[in-house]
């Protein structure tokens, strides 16, 4: 049976001609967003952006054709919100609980240059060793896709230490014709090679095998140069000190039930956030924010 919630949300928050509420895949509630220069789809499950596309361009984000869309399951692709931990945690779900929680949509407002801004909120009780906290996620759909995540420590007397990451899956025409720049000289942990610490030596990172790297103390913009689609994706960020680069390649892709066997050829994850030694610690009642702006230009 279809949920009655979308009709209620339409009545209260719908922006006619720009934001429409609907049942998405797996009967999960979804927002379809139309700005003057782009379109997007966002699920309340995880406040998960699954689609962003500028007018007359290919989609920016990759979404697996076999992704699960179900309560308690993460969506494979788009932009999962990783919080309050990154990676495995004994006895707890991988990458925290934010990406599988239902977020509340708090407001929708027109933004500058014909963009549409949507604000989501997740309130977490004291759980998994963390004090209570709130996360506010502002998604602005326009000529660019702008994302801002703000975390507030809700405790009156305890520190909150957490990791955060926007685990962005980018759509590329051919991973073999794609290079990632902006990380030369940066130290990273190579998870494929036993978490050894290394230093990036390549001007442009080329993916030709499984890649799973956590780059630390890196605050500058990253670029994805896609020769097949003839475009450059620019990942600008503020208050983000970590960058993760991931592609599962052949064997890992075949082991994943929610990822197609050959989909590794058309995606790469370049993730922004604060993880590992770059994790955030907040005093009681304090907040922190980081933001990411995703844009595209023709590859010259």
C-alpha atoms as a PDB file:
ATOM      1  CA  UNK A   1       0.000   0.000   0.000  1.00  0.00           C
ATOM      2  CA  UNK A   2       1.324   3.456  -0.879  1.00  0.00           C
ATOM      3  CA  UNK A   3       2.145   5.678   2.062  1.00  0.00           C
ATOM      4  CA  UNK A   4      -0.090   8.681   2.754  1.00  0.00           C
ATOM      5  CA  UNK A   5       2.909  10.798   3.737  1.00  0.00           C
ATOM      6  CA  UNK A   6       3.760  12.150   0.257  1.00  0.00           C
ATOM      7  CA  UNK A   7       0.296  13.755  -0.056  1.00  0.00           C
ATOM      8  CA  UNK A   8       0.766  15.477   3.321  1.00  0.00           C
ATOM      9  CA  UNK A   9       4.253  16.654   2.367  1.00  0.00           C
ATOM     10  CA  UNK A  10       2.966  17.938  -0.967  1.00  0.00           C
ATOM     11  CA  UNK A  11       0.371  20.046   0.770  1.00  0.00           C
ATOM     12  CA  UNK A  12       2.795  21.590   3.232  1.00  0.00           C
ATOM     13  CA  UNK A  13       6.099  21.886   1.405  1.00  0.00           C
ATOM     14  CA  UNK A  14       5.737  21.251  -2.306  1.00  0.00           C
ATOM     15  CA  UNK A  15       7.100  24.000  -4.546  1.00  0.00           C
ATOM     16  CA  UNK A  16       4.840  23.806  -7.624  1.00  0.00           C
ATOM     17  CA  UNK A  17       6.750  23.279 -10.827  1.00  0.00           C
ATOM     18  CA  UNK A  18       9.998  22.691  -8.953  1.00  0.00           C
ATOM     19  CA  UNK A  19       9.645  20.083  -6.188  1.00  0.00           C
ATOM     20  CA  UNK A  20       7.311  17.109  -6.329  1.00  0.00           C
ATOM     21  CA  UNK A  21       6.942  14.334  -3.771  1.00  0.00           C
ATOM     22  CA  UNK A  22       6.500  10.806  -5.027  1.00  0.00           C
ATOM     23  CA  UNK A  23       7.019   7.155  -4.230  1.00  0.00           C
ATOM     24  CA  UNK A  24      10.441   6.098  -5.485  1.00  0.00           C
ATOM     25  CA  UNK A  25      11.974   2.672  -5.942  1.00  0.00           C
ATOM     26  CA  UNK A  26      10.974   0.199  -3.227  1.00  0.00           C
ATOM     27  CA  UNK A  27       8.121   2.509  -2.203  1.00  0.00           C
ATOM     28  CA  UNK A  28      10.629   4.797  -0.484  1.00  0.00           C
ATOM     29  CA  UNK A  29       9.627   8.466  -0.381  1.00  0.00           C
ATOM     30  CA  UNK A  30      11.472  10.588  -2.927  1.00  0.00           C
ATOM     31  CA  UNK A  31      11.631  14.218  -4.023  1.00  0.00           C
ATOM     32  CA  UNK A  32      11.911  15.137  -7.678  1.00  0.00           C
ATOM     33  CA  UNK A  33      13.604  18.549  -7.966  1.00  0.00           C
ATOM     34  CA  UNK A  34      13.606  20.759 -11.069  1.00  0.00           C
ATOM     35  CA  UNK A  35      15.679  23.944 -11.038  1.00  0.00           C
ATOM     36  CA  UNK A  36      16.217  26.311 -13.937  1.00  0.00           C
ATOM     37  CA  UNK A  37      19.444  24.536 -14.933  1.00  0.00           C
ATOM     38  CA  UNK A  38      19.257  20.990 -13.566  1.00  0.00           C
ATOM     39  CA  UNK A  39      17.218  18.146 -12.105  1.00  0.00           C
ATOM     40  CA  UNK A  40      17.762  15.970  -9.038  1.00  0.00           C
ATOM     41  CA  UNK A  41      16.214  13.120  -7.077  1.00  0.00           C
ATOM     42  CA  UNK A  42      16.574  12.869  -3.304  1.00  0.00           C
ATOM     43  CA  UNK A  43      15.304  10.099  -1.013  1.00  0.00           C
ATOM     44  CA  UNK A  44      14.344  10.776   2.609  1.00  0.00           C
ATOM     45  CA  UNK A  45      15.970   7.393   3.300  1.00  0.00           C
ATOM     46  CA  UNK A  46      19.453   8.627   4.187  1.00  0.00           C
ATOM     47  CA  UNK A  47      18.734  12.125   2.785  1.00  0.00           C
ATOM     48  CA  UNK A  48      20.268  10.396  -0.207  1.00  0.00           C
ATOM     49  CA  UNK A  49      20.831  12.305  -3.461  1.00  0.00           C
ATOM     50  CA  UNK A  50      20.561   9.594  -6.105  1.00  0.00           C
ATOM     51  CA  UNK A  51      20.502  11.778  -9.225  1.00  0.00           C
ATOM     52  CA  UNK A  52      21.786  15.163 -10.378  1.00  0.00           C
ATOM     53  CA  UNK A  53      21.947  16.247 -13.989  1.00  0.00           C
ATOM     54  CA  UNK A  54      22.541  19.631 -15.556  1.00  0.00           C
ATOM     55  CA  UNK A  55      20.335  20.389 -18.537  1.00  0.00           C
ATOM     56  CA  UNK A  56      21.685  18.861 -21.766  1.00  0.00           C
ATOM     57  CA  UNK A  57      24.504  16.995 -19.977  1.00  0.00           C
ATOM     58  CA  UNK A  58      25.014  13.366 -18.902  1.00  0.00           C
ATOM     59  CA  UNK A  59      24.129  12.523 -15.279  1.00  0.00           C
ATOM     60  CA  UNK A  60      26.774  13.568 -12.749  1.00  0.00           C
ATOM     61  CA  UNK A  61      26.152  10.695 -10.345  1.00  0.00           C
ATOM     62  CA  UNK A  62      26.406   6.926 -10.740  1.00  0.00           C
ATOM     63  CA  UNK A  63      23.628   4.719  -9.371  1.00  0.00           C
ATOM     64  CA  UNK A  64      23.875   0.935  -9.533  1.00  0.00           C
ATOM     65  CA  UNK A  65      21.136  -0.731 -11.539  1.00  0.00           C
ATOM     66  CA  UNK A  66      20.908  -3.458  -8.876  1.00  0.00           C
ATOM     67  CA  UNK A  67      20.986  -1.219  -5.814  1.00  0.00           C
ATOM     68  CA  UNK A  68      18.674  -2.175  -2.973  1.00  0.00           C
ATOM     69  CA  UNK A  69      16.016   0.350  -2.012  1.00  0.00           C
ATOM     70  CA  UNK A  70      14.734  -0.908   1.331  1.00  0.00           C
ATOM     71  CA  UNK A  71      14.470   0.139   4.949  1.00  0.00           C
ATOM     72  CA  UNK A  72      17.679  -0.612   6.807  1.00  0.00           C
ATOM     73  CA  UNK A  73      19.690  -1.033   3.591  1.00  0.00           C
ATOM     74  CA  UNK A  74      22.070   1.544   2.072  1.00  0.00           C
ATOM     75  CA  UNK A  75      21.488   2.756  -1.471  1.00  0.00           C
ATOM     76  CA  UNK A  76      24.415   1.876  -3.768  1.00  0.00           C
ATOM     77  CA  UNK A  77      25.414   5.010  -5.639  1.00  0.00           C
ATOM     78  CA  UNK A  78      24.538   8.684  -5.571  1.00  0.00           C
ATOM     79  CA  UNK A  79      25.724  10.422  -2.395  1.00  0.00           C
ATOM     80  CA  UNK A  80      25.433   8.397   0.818  1.00  0.00           C
ATOM     81  CA  UNK A  81      25.852  10.490   3.985  1.00  0.00           C
ATOM     82  CA  UNK A  82      28.431   8.715   6.159  1.00  0.00           C
ATOM     83  CA  UNK A  83      27.989   9.594   9.855  1.00  0.00           C
ATOM     84  CA  UNK A  84      29.009   9.259  12.706  1.00  0.00           C
ATOM     85  CA  UNK A  85      31.761   6.804  11.779  1.00  0.00           C
ATOM     86  CA  UNK A  86      33.543   5.790   8.581  1.00  0.00           C
ATOM     87  CA  UNK A  87      34.210   2.160   7.736  1.00  0.00           C
ATOM     88  CA  UNK A  88      33.535  -0.830   9.993  1.00  0.00           C
ATOM     89  CA  UNK A  89      32.729  -0.631  13.707  1.00  0.00           C
ATOM     90  CA  UNK A  90      32.401  -3.772  15.792  1.00  0.00           C
ATOM     91  CA  UNK A  91      28.800  -4.752  16.362  1.00  0.00           C
ATOM     92  CA  UNK A  92      27.517  -1.802  14.310  1.00  0.00           C
ATOM     93  CA  UNK A  93      26.568  -1.184  10.651  1.00  0.00           C
ATOM     94  CA  UNK A  94      29.245  -0.242   8.147  1.00  0.00           C
ATOM     95  CA  UNK A  95      29.711   3.543   7.729  1.00  0.00           C
ATOM     96  CA  UNK A  96      27.370   4.531  10.559  1.00  0.00           C
ATOM     97  CA  UNK A  97      23.595   4.775  10.706  1.00  0.00           C
ATOM     98  CA  UNK A  98      22.846   8.097   8.964  1.00  0.00           C
ATOM     99  CA  UNK A  99      22.749   6.581   5.471  1.00  0.00           C
ATOM    100  CA  UNK A 100      20.031   4.099   6.454  1.00  0.00           C
ATOM    101  CA  UNK A 101      17.971   6.425   8.687  1.00  0.00           C
ATOM    102  CA  UNK A 102      14.921   8.388   7.578  1.00  0.00           C
ATOM    103  CA  UNK A 103      15.661  12.105   7.660  1.00  0.00           C
ATOM    104  CA  UNK A 104      13.058  14.824   8.099  1.00  0.00           C
ATOM    105  CA  UNK A 105      12.582  17.405   5.365  1.00  0.00           C
ATOM    106  CA  UNK A 106      12.414  20.745   7.198  1.00  0.00           C
ATOM    107  CA  UNK A 107      12.115  23.305   4.415  1.00  0.00           C
ATOM    108  CA  UNK A 108      12.305  24.005   0.693  1.00  0.00           C
ATOM    109  CA  UNK A 109      13.238  27.493  -0.464  1.00  0.00           C
ATOM    110  CA  UNK A 110      14.109  29.130  -3.792  1.00  0.00           C
ATOM    111  CA  UNK A 111      17.795  30.061  -3.907  1.00  0.00           C
ATOM    112  CA  UNK A 112      19.828  32.395  -6.081  1.00  0.00           C
ATOM    113  CA  UNK A 113      20.057  32.000  -9.865  1.00  0.00           C
ATOM    114  CA  UNK A 114      16.998  29.760 -10.062  1.00  0.00           C
ATOM    115  CA  UNK A 115      18.374  27.116  -7.704  1.00  0.00           C
ATOM    116  CA  UNK A 116      16.304  25.179  -5.153  1.00  0.00           C
ATOM    117  CA  UNK A 117      17.535  24.581  -1.586  1.00  0.00           C
ATOM    118  CA  UNK A 118      16.252  21.739   0.591  1.00  0.00           C
ATOM    119  CA  UNK A 119      17.142  21.251   4.250  1.00  0.00           C
ATOM    120  CA  UNK A 120      17.016  17.831   5.897  1.00  0.00           C
ATOM    121  CA  UNK A 121      17.513  16.993   9.571  1.00  0.00           C
ATOM    122  CA  UNK A 122      18.439  13.874  11.525  1.00  0.00           C
ATOM    123  CA  UNK A 123      18.242  13.800  15.314  1.00  0.00           C
ATOM    124  CA  UNK A 124      20.114  10.949  16.996  1.00  0.00           C
ATOM    125  CA  UNK A 125      19.622   9.891  20.597  1.00  0.00           C
ATOM    126  CA  UNK A 126      22.557   8.725  22.684  1.00  0.00           C
ATOM    127  CA  UNK A 127      23.535   5.480  20.956  1.00  0.00           C
ATOM    128  CA  UNK A 128      26.515   3.333  19.954  1.00  0.00           C
ATOM    129  CA  UNK A 129      28.719   5.195  22.420  1.00  0.00           C
ATOM    130  CA  UNK A 130      27.875   8.620  20.978  1.00  0.00           C
ATOM    131  CA  UNK A 131      26.133  11.402  22.889  1.00  0.00           C
ATOM    132  CA  UNK A 132      22.946  12.803  21.311  1.00  0.00           C
ATOM    133  CA  UNK A 133      23.497  14.938  18.223  1.00  0.00           C
ATOM    134  CA  UNK A 134      21.653  16.538  15.332  1.00  0.00           C
ATOM    135  CA  UNK A 135      22.694  16.687  11.692  1.00  0.00           C
ATOM    136  CA  UNK A 136      21.392  19.327   9.282  1.00  0.00           C
ATOM    137  CA  UNK A 137      21.972  18.724   5.584  1.00  0.00           C
ATOM    138  CA  UNK A 138      21.431  21.520   3.080  1.00  0.00           C
ATOM    139  CA  UNK A 139      21.208  20.416  -0.564  1.00  0.00           C
ATOM    140  CA  UNK A 140      21.103  23.172  -3.195  1.00  0.00           C
ATOM    141  CA  UNK A 141      20.186  22.097  -6.725  1.00  0.00           C
ATOM    142  CA  UNK A 142      21.146  24.574  -9.424  1.00  0.00           C
ATOM    143  CA  UNK A 143      23.883  25.070 -11.995  1.00  0.00           C
ATOM    144  CA  UNK A 144      26.010  23.241  -9.436  1.00  0.00           C
ATOM    145  CA  UNK A 145      25.138  20.766  -6.698  1.00  0.00           C
ATOM    146  CA  UNK A 146      25.982  22.258  -3.317  1.00  0.00           C
ATOM    147  CA  UNK A 147      25.998  20.158  -0.154  1.00  0.00           C
ATOM    148  CA  UNK A 148      26.502  21.345   3.416  1.00  0.00           C
ATOM    149  CA  UNK A 149      26.487  19.054   6.441  1.00  0.00           C
ATOM    150  CA  UNK A 150      26.282  20.592   9.928  1.00  0.00           C
ATOM    151  CA  UNK A 151      26.580  18.466  13.071  1.00  0.00           C
ATOM    152  CA  UNK A 152      25.607  19.769  16.505  1.00  0.00           C
ATOM    153  CA  UNK A 153      26.575  18.096  19.771  1.00  0.00           C
ATOM    154  CA  UNK A 154      23.342  17.849  21.738  1.00  0.00           C
ATOM    155  CA  UNK A 155      24.994  16.859  25.005  1.00  0.00           C
ATOM    156  CA  UNK A 156      25.238  19.265  27.917  1.00  0.00           C
ATOM    157  CA  UNK A 157      28.451  17.791  29.297  1.00  0.00           C
ATOM    158  CA  UNK A 158      30.035  15.291  26.875  1.00  0.00           C
ATOM    159  CA  UNK A 159      32.347  15.725  23.884  1.00  0.00           C
ATOM    160  CA  UNK A 160      31.258  14.346  20.536  1.00  0.00           C
ATOM    161  CA  UNK A 161      33.990  12.794  18.362  1.00  0.00           C
ATOM    162  CA  UNK A 162      32.816  11.608  14.967  1.00  0.00           C
ATOM    163  CA  UNK A 163      33.746  10.961  11.343  1.00  0.00           C
ATOM    164  CA  UNK A 164      31.740  12.337   8.417  1.00  0.00           C
ATOM    165  CA  UNK A 165      31.894  11.808   4.680  1.00  0.00           C
ATOM    166  CA  UNK A 166      29.823  12.474   1.558  1.00  0.00           C
ATOM    167  CA  UNK A 167      30.526   9.187  -0.221  1.00  0.00           C
ATOM    168  CA  UNK A 168      29.963  10.498  -3.759  1.00  0.00           C
ATOM    169  CA  UNK A 169      29.714   8.067  -6.687  1.00  0.00           C
ATOM    170  CA  UNK A 170      30.496   9.842  -9.960  1.00  0.00           C
ATOM    171  CA  UNK A 171      29.355   8.654 -13.377  1.00  0.00           C
ATOM    172  CA  UNK A 172      32.180   8.460 -15.935  1.00  0.00           C
ATOM    173  CA  UNK A 173      32.148   7.346 -19.552  1.00  0.00           C
ATOM    174  CA  UNK A 174      35.048   4.905 -19.164  1.00  0.00           C
ATOM    175  CA  UNK A 175      37.190   4.473 -16.046  1.00  0.00           C
ATOM    176  CA  UNK A 176      40.135   3.631 -18.307  1.00  0.00           C
ATOM    177  CA  UNK A 177      39.917   7.101 -19.874  1.00  0.00           C
ATOM    178  CA  UNK A 178      39.527   8.939 -16.571  1.00  0.00           C
ATOM    179  CA  UNK A 179      42.101  10.701 -14.400  1.00  0.00           C
ATOM    180  CA  UNK A 180      41.814  12.261 -10.932  1.00  0.00           C
ATOM    181  CA  UNK A 181      43.973  15.284 -10.182  1.00  0.00           C
ATOM    182  CA  UNK A 182      44.665  17.442  -7.131  1.00  0.00           C
ATOM    183  CA  UNK A 183      46.172  14.832  -4.823  1.00  0.00           C
ATOM    184  CA  UNK A 184      49.831  14.720  -5.854  1.00  0.00           C
ATOM    185  CA  UNK A 185      52.124  14.888  -2.831  1.00  0.00           C
ATOM    186  CA  UNK A 186      49.352  13.978  -0.370  1.00  0.00           C
ATOM    187  CA  UNK A 187      49.798  11.158   2.173  1.00  0.00           C
ATOM    188  CA  UNK A 188      47.223   8.394   2.091  1.00  0.00           C
ATOM    189  CA  UNK A 189      46.319   5.082   3.687  1.00  0.00           C
ATOM    190  CA  UNK A 190      46.172   2.311   1.096  1.00  0.00           C
ATOM    191  CA  UNK A 191      43.426  -0.031   2.311  1.00  0.00           C
ATOM    192  CA  UNK A 192      44.111  -2.479  -0.542  1.00  0.00           C
ATOM    193  CA  UNK A 193      47.722  -2.828   0.673  1.00  0.00           C
ATOM    194  CA  UNK A 194      47.107  -3.417   4.370  1.00  0.00           C
ATOM    195  CA  UNK A 195      46.501   0.235   5.293  1.00  0.00           C
ATOM    196  CA  UNK A 196      50.114   1.146   4.515  1.00  0.00           C
ATOM    197  CA  UNK A 197      50.782   4.883   4.549  1.00  0.00           C
ATOM    198  CA  UNK A 198      52.041   6.154   1.203  1.00  0.00           C
ATOM    199  CA  UNK A 199      52.470   9.430  -0.670  1.00  0.00           C
ATOM    200  CA  UNK A 200      50.707  10.091  -3.968  1.00  0.00           C
ATOM    201  CA  UNK A 201      53.235  10.590  -6.769  1.00  0.00           C
ATOM    202  CA  UNK A 202      50.945  10.755  -9.805  1.00  0.00           C
ATOM    203  CA  UNK A 203      49.856  14.015 -11.397  1.00  0.00           C
ATOM    204  CA  UNK A 204      46.654  12.202 -12.400  1.00  0.00           C
ATOM    205  CA  UNK A 205      45.481   9.036 -10.641  1.00  0.00           C
ATOM    206  CA  UNK A 206      44.517   6.322 -13.124  1.00  0.00           C
ATOM    207  CA  UNK A 207      42.381   3.390 -12.026  1.00  0.00           C
ATOM    208  CA  UNK A 208      43.416   0.017 -13.477  1.00  0.00           C
ATOM    209  CA  UNK A 209      42.829  -2.243 -10.439  1.00  0.00           C
ATOM    210  CA  UNK A 210      41.005  -2.056  -7.114  1.00  0.00           C
ATOM    211  CA  UNK A 211      41.571   1.333  -5.461  1.00  0.00           C
ATOM    212  CA  UNK A 212      40.622   2.185  -1.875  1.00  0.00           C
ATOM    213  CA  UNK A 213      42.612   5.108  -0.501  1.00  0.00           C
ATOM    214  CA  UNK A 214      42.053   7.589   2.312  1.00  0.00           C
ATOM    215  CA  UNK A 215      43.945  10.820   1.585  1.00  0.00           C
ATOM    216  CA  UNK A 216      44.597  12.871   4.725  1.00  0.00           C
ATOM    217  CA  UNK A 217      45.163  16.564   5.349  1.00  0.00           C
ATOM    218  CA  UNK A 218      43.924  17.526   1.898  1.00  0.00           C
ATOM    219  CA  UNK A 219      41.696  20.589   1.659  1.00  0.00           C
ATOM    220  CA  UNK A 220      42.057  21.635  -1.983  1.00  0.00           C
ATOM    221  CA  UNK A 221      39.741  21.025  -4.911  1.00  0.00           C
ATOM    222  CA  UNK A 222      39.849  17.683  -6.746  1.00  0.00           C
ATOM    223  CA  UNK A 223      39.137  17.233 -10.448  1.00  0.00           C
ATOM    224  CA  UNK A 224      37.920  14.230 -12.429  1.00  0.00           C
ATOM    225  CA  UNK A 225      38.994  14.413 -16.091  1.00  0.00           C
ATOM    226  CA  UNK A 226      36.685  12.243 -18.191  1.00  0.00           C
ATOM    227  CA  UNK A 227      38.021  11.913 -21.732  1.00  0.00           C
ATOM    228  CA  UNK A 228      35.113   9.752 -22.933  1.00  0.00           C
ATOM    229  CA  UNK A 229      32.399  12.240 -21.906  1.00  0.00           C
ATOM    230  CA  UNK A 230      34.706  15.191 -22.593  1.00  0.00           C
ATOM    231  CA  UNK A 231      34.007  16.870 -19.288  1.00  0.00           C
ATOM    232  CA  UNK A 232      35.795  17.875 -16.130  1.00  0.00           C
ATOM    233  CA  UNK A 233      34.091  17.415 -12.766  1.00  0.00           C
ATOM    234  CA  UNK A 234      35.330  19.836 -10.111  1.00  0.00           C
ATOM    235  CA  UNK A 235      34.913  18.884  -6.447  1.00  0.00           C
ATOM    236  CA  UNK A 236      35.334  22.032  -4.393  1.00  0.00           C
ATOM    237  CA  UNK A 237      35.169  21.750  -0.616  1.00  0.00           C
ATOM    238  CA  UNK A 238      35.427  23.739   2.596  1.00  0.00           C
ATOM    239  CA  UNK A 239      36.339  22.449   6.069  1.00  0.00           C
ATOM    240  CA  UNK A 240      36.994  18.985   4.664  1.00  0.00           C
ATOM    241  CA  UNK A 241      40.454  17.569   5.361  1.00  0.00           C
ATOM    242  CA  UNK A 242      39.987  14.054   3.936  1.00  0.00           C
ATOM    243  CA  UNK A 243      39.436  12.689   0.433  1.00  0.00           C
ATOM    244  CA  UNK A 244      38.642   9.043  -0.285  1.00  0.00           C
ATOM    245  CA  UNK A 245      39.102   7.475  -3.735  1.00  0.00           C
ATOM    246  CA  UNK A 246      37.415   4.118  -4.391  1.00  0.00           C
ATOM    247  CA  UNK A 247      36.711   1.756  -7.262  1.00  0.00           C
ATOM    248  CA  UNK A 248      36.004  -1.936  -6.499  1.00  0.00           C
ATOM    249  CA  UNK A 249      37.328  -3.257  -9.829  1.00  0.00           C
ATOM    250  CA  UNK A 250      36.516  -6.743 -11.126  1.00  0.00           C
ATOM    251  CA  UNK A 251      36.684  -9.217  -8.237  1.00  0.00           C
ATOM    252  CA  UNK A 252      35.136  -6.957  -5.586  1.00  0.00           C
ATOM    253  CA  UNK A 253      32.350  -5.902  -7.979  1.00  0.00           C
ATOM    254  CA  UNK A 254      31.444  -9.546  -8.570  1.00  0.00           C
ATOM    255  CA  UNK A 255      31.242 -10.151  -4.811  1.00  0.00           C
ATOM    256  CA  UNK A 256      28.787  -7.306  -4.190  1.00  0.00           C
ATOM    257  CA  UNK A 257      25.124  -8.269  -4.490  1.00  0.00           C
ATOM    258  CA  UNK A 258      24.001  -4.654  -4.985  1.00  0.00           C
ATOM    259  CA  UNK A 259      26.574  -3.765  -7.642  1.00  0.00           C
ATOM    260  CA  UNK A 260      26.651  -4.944 -11.272  1.00  0.00           C
ATOM    261  CA  UNK A 261      29.594  -7.064 -12.389  1.00  0.00           C
ATOM    262  CA  UNK A 262      30.790  -4.521 -14.974  1.00  0.00           C
ATOM    263  CA  UNK A 263      29.567  -1.293 -13.376  1.00  0.00           C
ATOM    264  CA  UNK A 264      33.065  -0.501 -12.061  1.00  0.00           C
ATOM    265  CA  UNK A 265      33.875   0.611 -15.613  1.00  0.00           C
ATOM    266  CA  UNK A 266      31.473   3.562 -15.415  1.00  0.00           C
ATOM    267  CA  UNK A 267      32.048   4.971 -11.926  1.00  0.00           C
ATOM    268  CA  UNK A 268      34.542   6.275  -9.433  1.00  0.00           C
ATOM    269  CA  UNK A 269      34.015   7.454  -5.880  1.00  0.00           C
ATOM    270  CA  UNK A 270      35.764  10.651  -4.816  1.00  0.00           C
ATOM    271  CA  UNK A 271      34.530  11.321  -1.305  1.00  0.00           C
ATOM    272  CA  UNK A 272      34.910  14.449   0.807  1.00  0.00           C
ATOM    273  CA  UNK A 273      34.798  14.647   4.580  1.00  0.00           C
ATOM    274  CA  UNK A 274      36.740  14.287   7.800  1.00  0.00           C
ATOM    275  CA  UNK A 275      37.768  10.745   8.700  1.00  0.00           C
ATOM    276  CA  UNK A 276      40.554   8.932  10.522  1.00  0.00           C
ATOM    277  CA  UNK A 277      43.041  11.369  12.029  1.00  0.00           C
ATOM    278  CA  UNK A 278      40.930  14.201  10.552  1.00  0.00           C
ATOM    279  CA  UNK A 279      37.842  13.311  12.615  1.00  0.00           C
ATOM    280  CA  UNK A 280      35.938  16.115  14.340  1.00  0.00           C
ATOM    281  CA  UNK A 281      35.652  16.612  18.108  1.00  0.00           C
ATOM    282  CA  UNK A 282      32.975  19.003  19.397  1.00  0.00           C
ATOM    283  CA  UNK A 283      32.525  20.315  22.907  1.00  0.00           C
ATOM    284  CA  UNK A 284      29.050  20.088  24.439  1.00  0.00           C
ATOM    285  CA  UNK A 285      26.569  22.270  22.564  1.00  0.00           C
ATOM    286  CA  UNK A 286      28.972  23.144  19.733  1.00  0.00           C
ATOM    287  CA  UNK A 287      28.527  22.699  15.958  1.00  0.00           C
ATOM    288  CA  UNK A 288      30.724  22.179  12.911  1.00  0.00           C
ATOM    289  CA  UNK A 289      30.028  22.288   9.187  1.00  0.00           C
ATOM    290  CA  UNK A 290      31.689  21.212   5.981  1.00  0.00           C
ATOM    291  CA  UNK A 291      30.525  21.795   2.443  1.00  0.00           C
ATOM    292  CA  UNK A 292      31.088  20.439  -1.057  1.00  0.00           C
ATOM    293  CA  UNK A 293      30.295  22.059  -4.414  1.00  0.00           C
ATOM    294  CA  UNK A 294      30.129  19.821  -7.493  1.00  0.00           C
ATOM    295  CA  UNK A 295      30.410  21.482 -10.903  1.00  0.00           C
ATOM    296  CA  UNK A 296      31.210  20.481 -14.473  1.00  0.00           C
ATOM    297  CA  UNK A 297      32.975  22.149 -17.387  1.00  0.00           C
ATOM    298  CA  UNK A 298      33.928  20.939 -20.879  1.00  0.00           C
ATOM    299  CA  UNK A 299      37.272  19.139 -20.968  1.00  0.00           C
ATOM    300  CA  UNK A 300      39.610  21.253 -23.070  1.00  0.00           C
END
